[in-house]
Amino acid sequence: MSLVSETARGAGSRSGSGAFLPVAPGKKPAAAGRISLANIVHSYSREAAPVIDGLSLSIEPGEFVCLVGPSGCGKTTLLKLVAGFEFPEGGQVVVDGSKVERPDGDRAVVFQHSNLFPWLSVRGNVELGPKLAGIGRAERREISDRLLDMVGLEDAAEKKTWELSGGMQQRCSIARALATDPAIILMDEPFGALDAITRERLQDEILDIWRNSKSTIVFVTHGVDEALYLGTRVVVMGDRPGRILLDLPIGSFGAETGGDVRRSVRDSTAFLDLKRKVRDTIGHSGKEED
């Protein structure tokens, strides 16, 4: 998948591309990945109106939560607050019982455009975090072999990233994010720049990865179809100031089916009814999504 991943790390340093370099991979606790946002208020300057005002949201470990809403409603800002890239003016962000005060290796961030290091091979990108964390060569190779096989890039391991298609770059970026075994994966429109066929294929692949990794995923998208297909829960945000208009626990249409059935589920009555409900909610907030 061609996902742009930056793994947030509190004690680490920024790379030249702006990515936070990951901490050593380790076995995450079974209950890791709980997120709590309480009465969040945030703006980007004192003169500006709040981007988010009074928002509260709780996410349980292992959920796949999709945030959907009009442009400018604060979806990406919410991800930055959870990642520790931004800090709220009011309220509190808590992850696994600790207040978020900086980026940390238990939270990996995947953006729309790839931040892969072009001078490294595909394997080199995946192994970079573990290498900087002091993991030995043999263990790094085991990590990269496992993850490249998971994302279908085992035959491209020694290629440079600029030799890959967009979809393959996204796969490499996801593997790099997973190399630290994060409890939480934050995704900001990761498939937005891809063609429709590649996007649908990667949607299925990220569901497989989610099931295998058991990480909590928070996924920002402008696509109502994508949100309903991927999410175990869809949170609809309203226009500025950002606030929650609708919180739908749906169970994930894509995750509960398999093979060709995954595609036909988008035409089911239940799917179309929920799609209409979400679109109507967004439309009443002032803007319409696809």
C-alpha atoms as a PDB file:
ATOM      1  CA  MET A   1       0.000   0.000   0.000  1.00  0.00           C
ATOM      2  CA  SER A   2       1.301   3.362  -0.741  1.00  0.00           C
ATOM      3  CA  LEU A   3       0.786   5.015   2.566  1.00  0.00           C
ATOM      4  CA  VAL A   4       2.860   7.786   3.865  1.00  0.00           C
ATOM      5  CA  SER A   5       3.899   6.850   7.305  1.00  0.00           C
ATOM      6  CA  GLU A   6       5.563   8.840   9.964  1.00  0.00           C
ATOM      7  CA  THR A   7       6.033   7.070  13.243  1.00  0.00           C
ATOM      8  CA  ALA A   8       5.762   9.488  16.115  1.00  0.00           C
ATOM      9  CA  ARG A   9       8.490   9.181  18.659  1.00  0.00           C
ATOM     10  CA  GLY A  10       8.821  11.180  21.818  1.00  0.00           C
ATOM     11  CA  ALA A  11      12.409  10.415  22.744  1.00  0.00           C
ATOM     12  CA  GLY A  12      13.542  10.284  19.117  1.00  0.00           C
ATOM     13  CA  SER A  13      14.568  12.839  16.560  1.00  0.00           C
ATOM     14  CA  ARG A  14      13.130  14.108  13.316  1.00  0.00           C
ATOM     15  CA  SER A  15      14.530  12.826  10.075  1.00  0.00           C
ATOM     16  CA  GLY A  16      15.387  15.091   7.192  1.00  0.00           C
ATOM     17  CA  SER A  17      11.983  14.385   5.638  1.00  0.00           C
ATOM     18  CA  GLY A  18      10.154  15.489   8.770  1.00  0.00           C
ATOM     19  CA  ALA A  19       9.271  11.984   9.905  1.00  0.00           C
ATOM     20  CA  PHE A  20       9.656  10.970  13.506  1.00  0.00           C
ATOM     21  CA  LEU A  21      11.845   7.908  13.792  1.00  0.00           C
ATOM     22  CA  PRO A  22      10.389   4.974  15.680  1.00  0.00           C
ATOM     23  CA  VAL A  23      11.268   3.354  18.949  1.00  0.00           C
ATOM     24  CA  ALA A  24      12.219  -0.276  19.288  1.00  0.00           C
ATOM     25  CA  PRO A  25       9.478  -2.688  18.309  1.00  0.00           C
ATOM     26  CA  GLY A  26       7.957  -4.631  21.135  1.00  0.00           C
ATOM     27  CA  LYS A  27       4.908  -6.629  22.045  1.00  0.00           C
ATOM     28  CA  LYS A  28       2.108  -4.184  22.739  1.00  0.00           C
ATOM     29  CA  PRO A  29      -0.106  -4.931  25.753  1.00  0.00           C
ATOM     30  CA  ALA A  30      -3.421  -6.594  24.931  1.00  0.00           C
ATOM     31  CA  ALA A  31      -5.414  -3.556  26.075  1.00  0.00           C
ATOM     32  CA  ALA A  32      -3.169  -0.938  24.411  1.00  0.00           C
ATOM     33  CA  GLY A  33      -4.643   1.571  21.974  1.00  0.00           C
ATOM     34  CA  ARG A  34      -7.309   3.357  24.031  1.00  0.00           C
ATOM     35  CA  ILE A  35      -7.812   7.030  23.089  1.00  0.00           C
ATOM     36  CA  SER A  36      -9.754   9.643  25.030  1.00  0.00           C
ATOM     37  CA  LEU A  37     -10.353  13.231  23.917  1.00  0.00           C
ATOM     38  CA  ALA A  38     -12.198  15.358  26.454  1.00  0.00           C
ATOM     39  CA  ASN A  39     -13.663  18.818  25.719  1.00  0.00           C
ATOM     40  CA  ILE A  40     -11.022  19.610  23.097  1.00  0.00           C
ATOM     41  CA  VAL A  41     -10.641  23.216  21.968  1.00  0.00           C
ATOM     42  CA  HIS A  42      -8.005  24.106  19.385  1.00  0.00           C
ATOM     43  CA  SER A  43      -7.148  26.891  16.951  1.00  0.00           C
ATOM     44  CA  TYR A  44      -3.998  27.724  15.012  1.00  0.00           C
ATOM     45  CA  SER A  45      -3.705  31.335  16.152  1.00  0.00           C
ATOM     46  CA  ARG A  46      -5.159  33.591  18.810  1.00  0.00           C
ATOM     47  CA  GLU A  47      -6.989  35.614  16.199  1.00  0.00           C
ATOM     48  CA  ALA A  48      -8.503  32.639  14.386  1.00  0.00           C
ATOM     49  CA  ALA A  49     -11.773  30.968  15.271  1.00  0.00           C
ATOM     50  CA  PRO A  50     -11.399  27.504  16.831  1.00  0.00           C
ATOM     51  CA  VAL A  51     -10.950  24.627  14.413  1.00  0.00           C
ATOM     52  CA  ILE A  52     -12.329  22.309  17.109  1.00  0.00           C
ATOM     53  CA  ASP A  53     -14.516  23.464  19.981  1.00  0.00           C
ATOM     54  CA  GLY A  54     -15.716  21.274  22.858  1.00  0.00           C
ATOM     55  CA  LEU A  55     -15.167  17.943  21.116  1.00  0.00           C
ATOM     56  CA  SER A  56     -15.126  14.728  23.160  1.00  0.00           C
ATOM     57  CA  LEU A  57     -14.473  11.251  21.786  1.00  0.00           C
ATOM     58  CA  SER A  58     -13.478   7.892  23.265  1.00  0.00           C
ATOM     59  CA  ILE A  59     -11.992   5.081  21.169  1.00  0.00           C
ATOM     60  CA  GLU A  60     -11.502   1.565  22.499  1.00  0.00           C
ATOM     61  CA  PRO A  61      -8.498  -0.678  21.753  1.00  0.00           C
ATOM     62  CA  GLY A  62      -8.767  -2.469  18.421  1.00  0.00           C
ATOM     63  CA  GLU A  63     -11.476  -0.252  16.936  1.00  0.00           C
ATOM     64  CA  PHE A  64     -11.264   0.945  13.329  1.00  0.00           C
ATOM     65  CA  VAL A  65     -12.743   4.435  13.553  1.00  0.00           C
ATOM     66  CA  CYS A  66     -13.300   6.453  10.378  1.00  0.00           C
ATOM     67  CA  LEU A  67     -13.627  10.230  10.619  1.00  0.00           C
ATOM     68  CA  VAL A  68     -15.602  11.796   7.792  1.00  0.00           C
ATOM     69  CA  GLY A  69     -16.821  15.328   7.246  1.00  0.00           C
ATOM     70  CA  PRO A  70     -16.404  18.449   5.111  1.00  0.00           C
ATOM     71  CA  SER A  71     -13.004  19.981   4.414  1.00  0.00           C
ATOM     72  CA  GLY A  72     -11.835  22.191   7.245  1.00  0.00           C
ATOM     73  CA  CYS A  73     -13.922  20.540   9.968  1.00  0.00           C
ATOM     74  CA  GLY A  74     -10.852  19.486  11.977  1.00  0.00           C
ATOM     75  CA  LYS A  75     -10.380  15.820  11.036  1.00  0.00           C
ATOM     76  CA  THR A  76      -6.646  16.150  10.367  1.00  0.00           C
ATOM     77  CA  THR A  77      -6.238  18.423  13.373  1.00  0.00           C
ATOM     78  CA  LEU A  78      -7.749  15.691  15.511  1.00  0.00           C
ATOM     79  CA  LEU A  79      -5.146  13.221  14.240  1.00  0.00           C
ATOM     80  CA  LYS A  80      -2.339  15.687  14.967  1.00  0.00           C
ATOM     81  CA  LEU A  81      -3.572  16.100  18.521  1.00  0.00           C
ATOM     82  CA  VAL A  82      -3.622  12.348  19.113  1.00  0.00           C
ATOM     83  CA  ALA A  83      -0.186  11.977  17.484  1.00  0.00           C
ATOM     84  CA  GLY A  84       1.274  14.709  19.692  1.00  0.00           C
ATOM     85  CA  PHE A  85       2.165  16.996  16.765  1.00  0.00           C
ATOM     86  CA  GLU A  86      -0.236  19.653  18.100  1.00  0.00           C
ATOM     87  CA  PHE A  87      -1.510  20.363  21.610  1.00  0.00           C
ATOM     88  CA  PRO A  88      -5.026  21.528  22.492  1.00  0.00           C
ATOM     89  CA  GLU A  89      -5.704  24.955  23.923  1.00  0.00           C
ATOM     90  CA  GLY A  90      -8.408  23.425  26.039  1.00  0.00           C
ATOM     91  CA  GLY A  91      -9.295  19.921  27.138  1.00  0.00           C
ATOM     92  CA  GLN A  92      -7.085  16.858  27.260  1.00  0.00           C
ATOM     93  CA  VAL A  93      -5.907  14.061  24.978  1.00  0.00           C
ATOM     94  CA  VAL A  94      -5.153  10.795  26.790  1.00  0.00           C
ATOM     95  CA  VAL A  95      -3.735   7.591  25.287  1.00  0.00           C
ATOM     96  CA  ASP A  96      -3.688   4.447  27.405  1.00  0.00           C
ATOM     97  CA  GLY A  97      -4.113   6.444  30.586  1.00  0.00           C
ATOM     98  CA  SER A  98      -1.338   8.978  29.919  1.00  0.00           C
ATOM     99  CA  LYS A  99      -1.780  12.556  28.763  1.00  0.00           C
ATOM    100  CA  VAL A 100      -0.339  13.123  25.288  1.00  0.00           C
ATOM    101  CA  GLU A 101       2.529  15.579  25.683  1.00  0.00           C
ATOM    102  CA  ARG A 102       4.726  14.608  22.741  1.00  0.00           C
ATOM    103  CA  PRO A 103       4.898  12.164  19.834  1.00  0.00           C
ATOM    104  CA  ASP A 104       5.603   8.586  20.859  1.00  0.00           C
ATOM    105  CA  GLY A 105       6.435   5.276  19.245  1.00  0.00           C
ATOM    106  CA  ASP A 106       3.097   3.716  20.172  1.00  0.00           C
ATOM    107  CA  ARG A 107       1.423   5.967  17.571  1.00  0.00           C
ATOM    108  CA  ALA A 108       2.295   5.634  13.873  1.00  0.00           C
ATOM    109  CA  VAL A 109       1.014   8.240  11.415  1.00  0.00           C
ATOM    110  CA  VAL A 110       0.318   7.536   7.745  1.00  0.00           C
ATOM    111  CA  PHE A 111      -0.290  10.496   5.445  1.00  0.00           C
ATOM    112  CA  GLN A 112      -1.588  10.872   1.916  1.00  0.00           C
ATOM    113  CA  HIS A 113       1.768  11.414   0.201  1.00  0.00           C
ATOM    114  CA  SER A 114       4.735   9.119   0.704  1.00  0.00           C
ATOM    115  CA  ASN A 115       7.628  10.167   2.931  1.00  0.00           C
ATOM    116  CA  LEU A 116       9.824   7.256   1.972  1.00  0.00           C
ATOM    117  CA  PHE A 117      13.574   7.811   1.823  1.00  0.00           C
ATOM    118  CA  PRO A 118      14.496   7.589  -1.882  1.00  0.00           C
ATOM    119  CA  TRP A 119      18.170   6.755  -1.232  1.00  0.00           C
ATOM    120  CA  LEU A 120      17.165   3.614   0.697  1.00  0.00           C
ATOM    121  CA  SER A 121      15.772   0.381  -0.661  1.00  0.00           C
ATOM    122  CA  VAL A 122      12.282  -0.780   0.204  1.00  0.00           C
ATOM    123  CA  ARG A 123      13.794  -3.035   2.869  1.00  0.00           C
ATOM    124  CA  GLY A 124      16.001  -0.197   4.106  1.00  0.00           C
ATOM    125  CA  ASN A 125      12.963   2.010   4.659  1.00  0.00           C
ATOM    126  CA  VAL A 126      11.160  -0.697   6.626  1.00  0.00           C
ATOM    127  CA  GLU A 127      14.227  -1.520   8.715  1.00  0.00           C
ATOM    128  CA  LEU A 128      15.243   2.075   9.430  1.00  0.00           C
ATOM    129  CA  GLY A 129      13.245   2.475  12.639  1.00  0.00           C
ATOM    130  CA  PRO A 130      14.376  -0.800  14.187  1.00  0.00           C
ATOM    131  CA  LYS A 131      17.974  -0.012  13.142  1.00  0.00           C
ATOM    132  CA  LEU A 132      17.922   3.381  14.853  1.00  0.00           C
ATOM    133  CA  ALA A 133      16.422   1.717  17.912  1.00  0.00           C
ATOM    134  CA  GLY A 134      19.428  -0.581  18.145  1.00  0.00           C
ATOM    135  CA  ILE A 135      17.833  -3.776  16.865  1.00  0.00           C
ATOM    136  CA  GLY A 136      20.385  -6.226  15.459  1.00  0.00           C
ATOM    137  CA  ARG A 137      20.694  -7.031  11.771  1.00  0.00           C
ATOM    138  CA  ALA A 138      19.230 -10.529  11.969  1.00  0.00           C
ATOM    139  CA  GLU A 139      16.153  -9.377  13.887  1.00  0.00           C
ATOM    140  CA  ARG A 140      15.699  -6.408  11.542  1.00  0.00           C
ATOM    141  CA  ARG A 141      15.710  -8.802   8.611  1.00  0.00           C
ATOM    142  CA  GLU A 142      13.062 -10.959  10.300  1.00  0.00           C
ATOM    143  CA  ILE A 143      10.883  -7.875  10.863  1.00  0.00           C
ATOM    144  CA  SER A 144      11.227  -6.633   7.282  1.00  0.00           C
ATOM    145  CA  ASP A 145      10.703 -10.102   5.778  1.00  0.00           C
ATOM    146  CA  ARG A 146       7.502 -10.576   7.755  1.00  0.00           C
ATOM    147  CA  LEU A 147       6.093  -7.129   6.988  1.00  0.00           C
ATOM    148  CA  LEU A 148       7.062  -7.054   3.305  1.00  0.00           C
ATOM    149  CA  ASP A 149       5.394 -10.424   2.885  1.00  0.00           C
ATOM    150  CA  MET A 150       2.304  -9.076   4.688  1.00  0.00           C
ATOM    151  CA  VAL A 151       1.988  -6.118   2.296  1.00  0.00           C
ATOM    152  CA  GLY A 152       2.939  -8.086  -0.830  1.00  0.00           C
ATOM    153  CA  LEU A 153       6.335  -6.483  -1.459  1.00  0.00           C
ATOM    154  CA  GLU A 154       8.608  -9.453  -0.782  1.00  0.00           C
ATOM    155  CA  ASP A 155       9.775  -9.440  -4.433  1.00  0.00           C
ATOM    156  CA  ALA A 156      10.515  -5.693  -4.364  1.00  0.00           C
ATOM    157  CA  ALA A 157      12.565  -5.653  -1.157  1.00  0.00           C
ATOM    158  CA  GLU A 158      15.820  -4.525  -2.781  1.00  0.00           C
ATOM    159  CA  LYS A 159      14.315  -1.972  -5.158  1.00  0.00           C
ATOM    160  CA  LYS A 160      14.603   1.761  -4.589  1.00  0.00           C
ATOM    161  CA  THR A 161      11.304   3.377  -3.614  1.00  0.00           C
ATOM    162  CA  TRP A 162      11.243   5.583  -6.723  1.00  0.00           C
ATOM    163  CA  GLU A 163      11.005   2.409  -8.789  1.00  0.00           C
ATOM    164  CA  LEU A 164       7.640   1.565  -7.217  1.00  0.00           C
ATOM    165  CA  SER A 165       4.135   2.523  -8.275  1.00  0.00           C
ATOM    166  CA  GLY A 166       2.070   4.748  -6.004  1.00  0.00           C
ATOM    167  CA  GLY A 167       0.226   1.790  -4.555  1.00  0.00           C
ATOM    168  CA  MET A 168       3.465  -0.088  -3.865  1.00  0.00           C
ATOM    169  CA  GLN A 169       4.933   2.972  -2.153  1.00  0.00           C
ATOM    170  CA  GLN A 170       1.908   3.057   0.114  1.00  0.00           C
ATOM    171  CA  ARG A 171       2.446  -0.603   0.978  1.00  0.00           C
ATOM    172  CA  CYS A 172       6.050   0.147   1.846  1.00  0.00           C
ATOM    173  CA  SER A 173       5.013   3.054   4.057  1.00  0.00           C
ATOM    174  CA  ILE A 174       2.511   0.921   5.939  1.00  0.00           C
ATOM    175  CA  ALA A 175       5.169  -1.734   6.493  1.00  0.00           C
ATOM    176  CA  ARG A 176       7.500   0.946   7.838  1.00  0.00           C
ATOM    177  CA  ALA A 177       4.809   2.122  10.238  1.00  0.00           C
ATOM    178  CA  LEU A 178       4.134  -1.420  11.430  1.00  0.00           C
ATOM    179  CA  ALA A 179       7.845  -2.078  12.058  1.00  0.00           C
ATOM    180  CA  THR A 180       7.485  -0.550  15.528  1.00  0.00           C
ATOM    181  CA  ASP A 181       4.398  -2.618  16.402  1.00  0.00           C
ATOM    182  CA  PRO A 182       2.354   0.515  17.232  1.00  0.00           C
ATOM    183  CA  ALA A 183      -0.750   0.281  19.377  1.00  0.00           C
ATOM    184  CA  ILE A 184      -2.367   3.059  17.327  1.00  0.00           C
ATOM    185  CA  ILE A 185      -2.181   3.810  13.597  1.00  0.00           C
ATOM    186  CA  LEU A 186      -3.398   7.250  12.519  1.00  0.00           C
ATOM    187  CA  MET A 187      -4.204   7.559   8.804  1.00  0.00           C
ATOM    188  CA  ASP A 188      -4.896  10.848   7.054  1.00  0.00           C
ATOM    189  CA  GLU A 189      -6.546  10.202   3.673  1.00  0.00           C
ATOM    190  CA  PRO A 190      -3.936   7.563   2.807  1.00  0.00           C
ATOM    191  CA  PHE A 191      -5.669   6.473  -0.405  1.00  0.00           C
ATOM    192  CA  GLY A 192      -6.764   9.918  -1.581  1.00  0.00           C
ATOM    193  CA  ALA A 193      -4.131  10.259  -4.313  1.00  0.00           C
ATOM    194  CA  LEU A 194      -4.629   6.779  -5.785  1.00  0.00           C
ATOM    195  CA  ASP A 195      -6.763   5.605  -8.688  1.00  0.00           C
ATOM    196  CA  ALA A 196     -10.076   3.929  -7.874  1.00  0.00           C
ATOM    197  CA  ILE A 197      -8.970   0.348  -8.589  1.00  0.00           C
ATOM    198  CA  THR A 198      -5.800   0.625  -6.503  1.00  0.00           C
ATOM    199  CA  ARG A 199      -7.724   2.351  -3.735  1.00  0.00           C
ATOM    200  CA  GLU A 200     -10.266  -0.452  -3.438  1.00  0.00           C
ATOM    201  CA  ARG A 201      -7.546  -3.093  -3.426  1.00  0.00           C
ATOM    202  CA  LEU A 202      -5.669  -1.272  -0.665  1.00  0.00           C
ATOM    203  CA  GLN A 203      -8.845  -0.888   1.362  1.00  0.00           C
ATOM    204  CA  ASP A 204      -9.110  -4.673   1.497  1.00  0.00           C
ATOM    205  CA  GLU A 205      -5.427  -4.980   2.349  1.00  0.00           C
ATOM    206  CA  ILE A 206      -5.592  -2.502   5.222  1.00  0.00           C
ATOM    207  CA  LEU A 207      -8.496  -4.470   6.671  1.00  0.00           C
ATOM    208  CA  ASP A 208      -6.356  -7.613   6.564  1.00  0.00           C
ATOM    209  CA  ILE A 209      -3.462  -5.760   8.213  1.00  0.00           C
ATOM    210  CA  TRP A 210      -5.779  -4.370  10.892  1.00  0.00           C
ATOM    211  CA  ARG A 211      -7.034  -7.846  11.739  1.00  0.00           C
ATOM    212  CA  ASN A 212      -3.488  -9.207  11.946  1.00  0.00           C
ATOM    213  CA  SER A 213      -1.938  -6.299  13.865  1.00  0.00           C
ATOM    214  CA  LYS A 214      -4.861  -5.773  16.277  1.00  0.00           C
ATOM    215  CA  SER A 215      -3.906  -2.075  16.382  1.00  0.00           C
ATOM    216  CA  THR A 216      -6.414   0.712  16.898  1.00  0.00           C
ATOM    217  CA  ILE A 217      -6.860   2.604  13.623  1.00  0.00           C
ATOM    218  CA  VAL A 218      -8.177   6.145  13.261  1.00  0.00           C
ATOM    219  CA  PHE A 219      -8.742   6.836   9.564  1.00  0.00           C
ATOM    220  CA  VAL A 220      -9.578  10.228   8.042  1.00  0.00           C
ATOM    221  CA  THR A 221     -11.372  10.214   4.704  1.00  0.00           C
ATOM    222  CA  HIS A 222     -13.590  12.399   2.534  1.00  0.00           C
ATOM    223  CA  GLY A 223     -15.271   9.327   1.097  1.00  0.00           C
ATOM    224  CA  VAL A 224     -18.492   8.180   2.762  1.00  0.00           C
ATOM    225  CA  ASP A 225     -18.288   4.824   0.934  1.00  0.00           C
ATOM    226  CA  GLU A 226     -14.743   4.304   2.171  1.00  0.00           C
ATOM    227  CA  ALA A 227     -15.649   5.186   5.753  1.00  0.00           C
ATOM    228  CA  LEU A 228     -18.605   2.793   5.833  1.00  0.00           C
ATOM    229  CA  TYR A 229     -16.675  -0.016   4.161  1.00  0.00           C
ATOM    230  CA  LEU A 230     -13.635   0.168   6.453  1.00  0.00           C
ATOM    231  CA  GLY A 231     -14.846   1.373   9.821  1.00  0.00           C
ATOM    232  CA  THR A 232     -16.202  -0.557  12.747  1.00  0.00           C
ATOM    233  CA  ARG A 233     -17.414   2.894  13.671  1.00  0.00           C
ATOM    234  CA  VAL A 234     -18.002   6.039  11.613  1.00  0.00           C
ATOM    235  CA  VAL A 235     -17.755   9.452  13.265  1.00  0.00           C
ATOM    236  CA  VAL A 236     -19.252  12.325  11.258  1.00  0.00           C
ATOM    237  CA  MET A 237     -17.834  15.771  11.993  1.00  0.00           C
ATOM    238  CA  GLY A 238     -19.558  19.065  11.259  1.00  0.00           C
ATOM    239  CA  ASP A 239     -18.149  22.230   9.723  1.00  0.00           C
ATOM    240  CA  ARG A 240     -16.131  24.697  11.785  1.00  0.00           C
ATOM    241  CA  PRO A 241     -15.850  24.689  14.623  1.00  0.00           C
ATOM    242  CA  GLY A 242     -15.284  20.937  14.412  1.00  0.00           C
ATOM    243  CA  ARG A 243     -17.758  18.899  16.417  1.00  0.00           C
ATOM    244  CA  ILE A 244     -19.285  15.438  16.277  1.00  0.00           C
ATOM    245  CA  LEU A 245     -22.660  15.285  14.563  1.00  0.00           C
ATOM    246  CA  LEU A 246     -23.082  11.526  14.344  1.00  0.00           C
ATOM    247  CA  ASP A 247     -21.332   8.522  15.890  1.00  0.00           C
ATOM    248  CA  LEU A 248     -22.285   5.250  14.180  1.00  0.00           C
ATOM    249  CA  PRO A 249     -21.038   1.895  15.485  1.00  0.00           C
ATOM    250  CA  ILE A 250     -21.531  -0.252  12.386  1.00  0.00           C
ATOM    251  CA  GLY A 251     -19.216  -3.256  12.770  1.00  0.00           C
ATOM    252  CA  SER A 252     -17.330  -2.791   9.439  1.00  0.00           C
ATOM    253  CA  PHE A 253     -18.968  -4.023   6.256  1.00  0.00           C
ATOM    254  CA  GLY A 254     -15.596  -4.865   4.703  1.00  0.00           C
ATOM    255  CA  ALA A 255     -14.072  -6.642   7.688  1.00  0.00           C
ATOM    256  CA  GLU A 256     -17.040  -8.920   8.205  1.00  0.00           C
ATOM    257  CA  THR A 257     -17.091 -10.227   4.648  1.00  0.00           C
ATOM    258  CA  GLY A 258     -14.472 -11.714   2.364  1.00  0.00           C
ATOM    259  CA  GLY A 259     -13.424 -12.181  -1.249  1.00  0.00           C
ATOM    260  CA  ASP A 260     -15.813 -10.975  -3.938  1.00  0.00           C
ATOM    261  CA  VAL A 261     -18.548 -10.479  -1.331  1.00  0.00           C
ATOM    262  CA  ARG A 262     -16.663  -7.423  -0.114  1.00  0.00           C
ATOM    263  CA  ARG A 263     -17.463  -5.584  -3.312  1.00  0.00           C
ATOM    264  CA  SER A 264     -21.135  -6.480  -3.479  1.00  0.00           C
ATOM    265  CA  VAL A 265     -21.688  -5.313   0.094  1.00  0.00           C
ATOM    266  CA  ARG A 266     -21.533  -1.704  -1.117  1.00  0.00           C
ATOM    267  CA  ASP A 267     -24.776  -2.326  -3.003  1.00  0.00           C
ATOM    268  CA  SER A 268     -26.618  -3.816  -0.030  1.00  0.00           C
ATOM    269  CA  THR A 269     -29.671  -2.068   1.396  1.00  0.00           C
ATOM    270  CA  ALA A 270     -28.051  -1.688   4.819  1.00  0.00           C
ATOM    271  CA  PHE A 271     -24.950  -0.060   3.305  1.00  0.00           C
ATOM    272  CA  LEU A 272     -26.934   2.318   1.105  1.00  0.00           C
ATOM    273  CA  ASP A 273     -29.251   3.318   3.980  1.00  0.00           C
ATOM    274  CA  LEU A 274     -26.277   4.227   6.167  1.00  0.00           C
ATOM    275  CA  LYS A 275     -24.615   6.046   3.277  1.00  0.00           C
ATOM    276  CA  ARG A 276     -27.740   8.161   2.850  1.00  0.00           C
ATOM    277  CA  LYS A 277     -27.838   8.888   6.581  1.00  0.00           C
ATOM    278  CA  VAL A 278     -24.197   9.995   6.687  1.00  0.00           C
ATOM    279  CA  ARG A 279     -24.502  12.125   3.533  1.00  0.00           C
ATOM    280  CA  ASP A 280     -27.657  13.785   4.850  1.00  0.00           C
ATOM    281  CA  THR A 281     -25.889  14.585   8.129  1.00  0.00           C
ATOM    282  CA  ILE A 282     -22.922  16.124   6.324  1.00  0.00           C
ATOM    283  CA  GLY A 283     -25.202  17.973   3.912  1.00  0.00           C
ATOM    284  CA  HIS A 284     -27.129  19.543   6.765  1.00  0.00           C
ATOM    285  CA  SER A 285     -23.840  20.759   8.260  1.00  0.00           C
ATOM    286  CA  GLY A 286     -23.339  22.929   5.197  1.00  0.00           C
ATOM    287  CA  LYS A 287     -21.140  20.893   2.824  1.00  0.00           C
ATOM    288  CA  GLU A 288     -21.402  17.631   0.940  1.00  0.00           C
ATOM    289  CA  GLU A 289     -18.915  14.772   0.671  1.00  0.00           C
ATOM    290  CA  ASP A 290     -18.584  12.166  -2.072  1.00  0.00           C
END
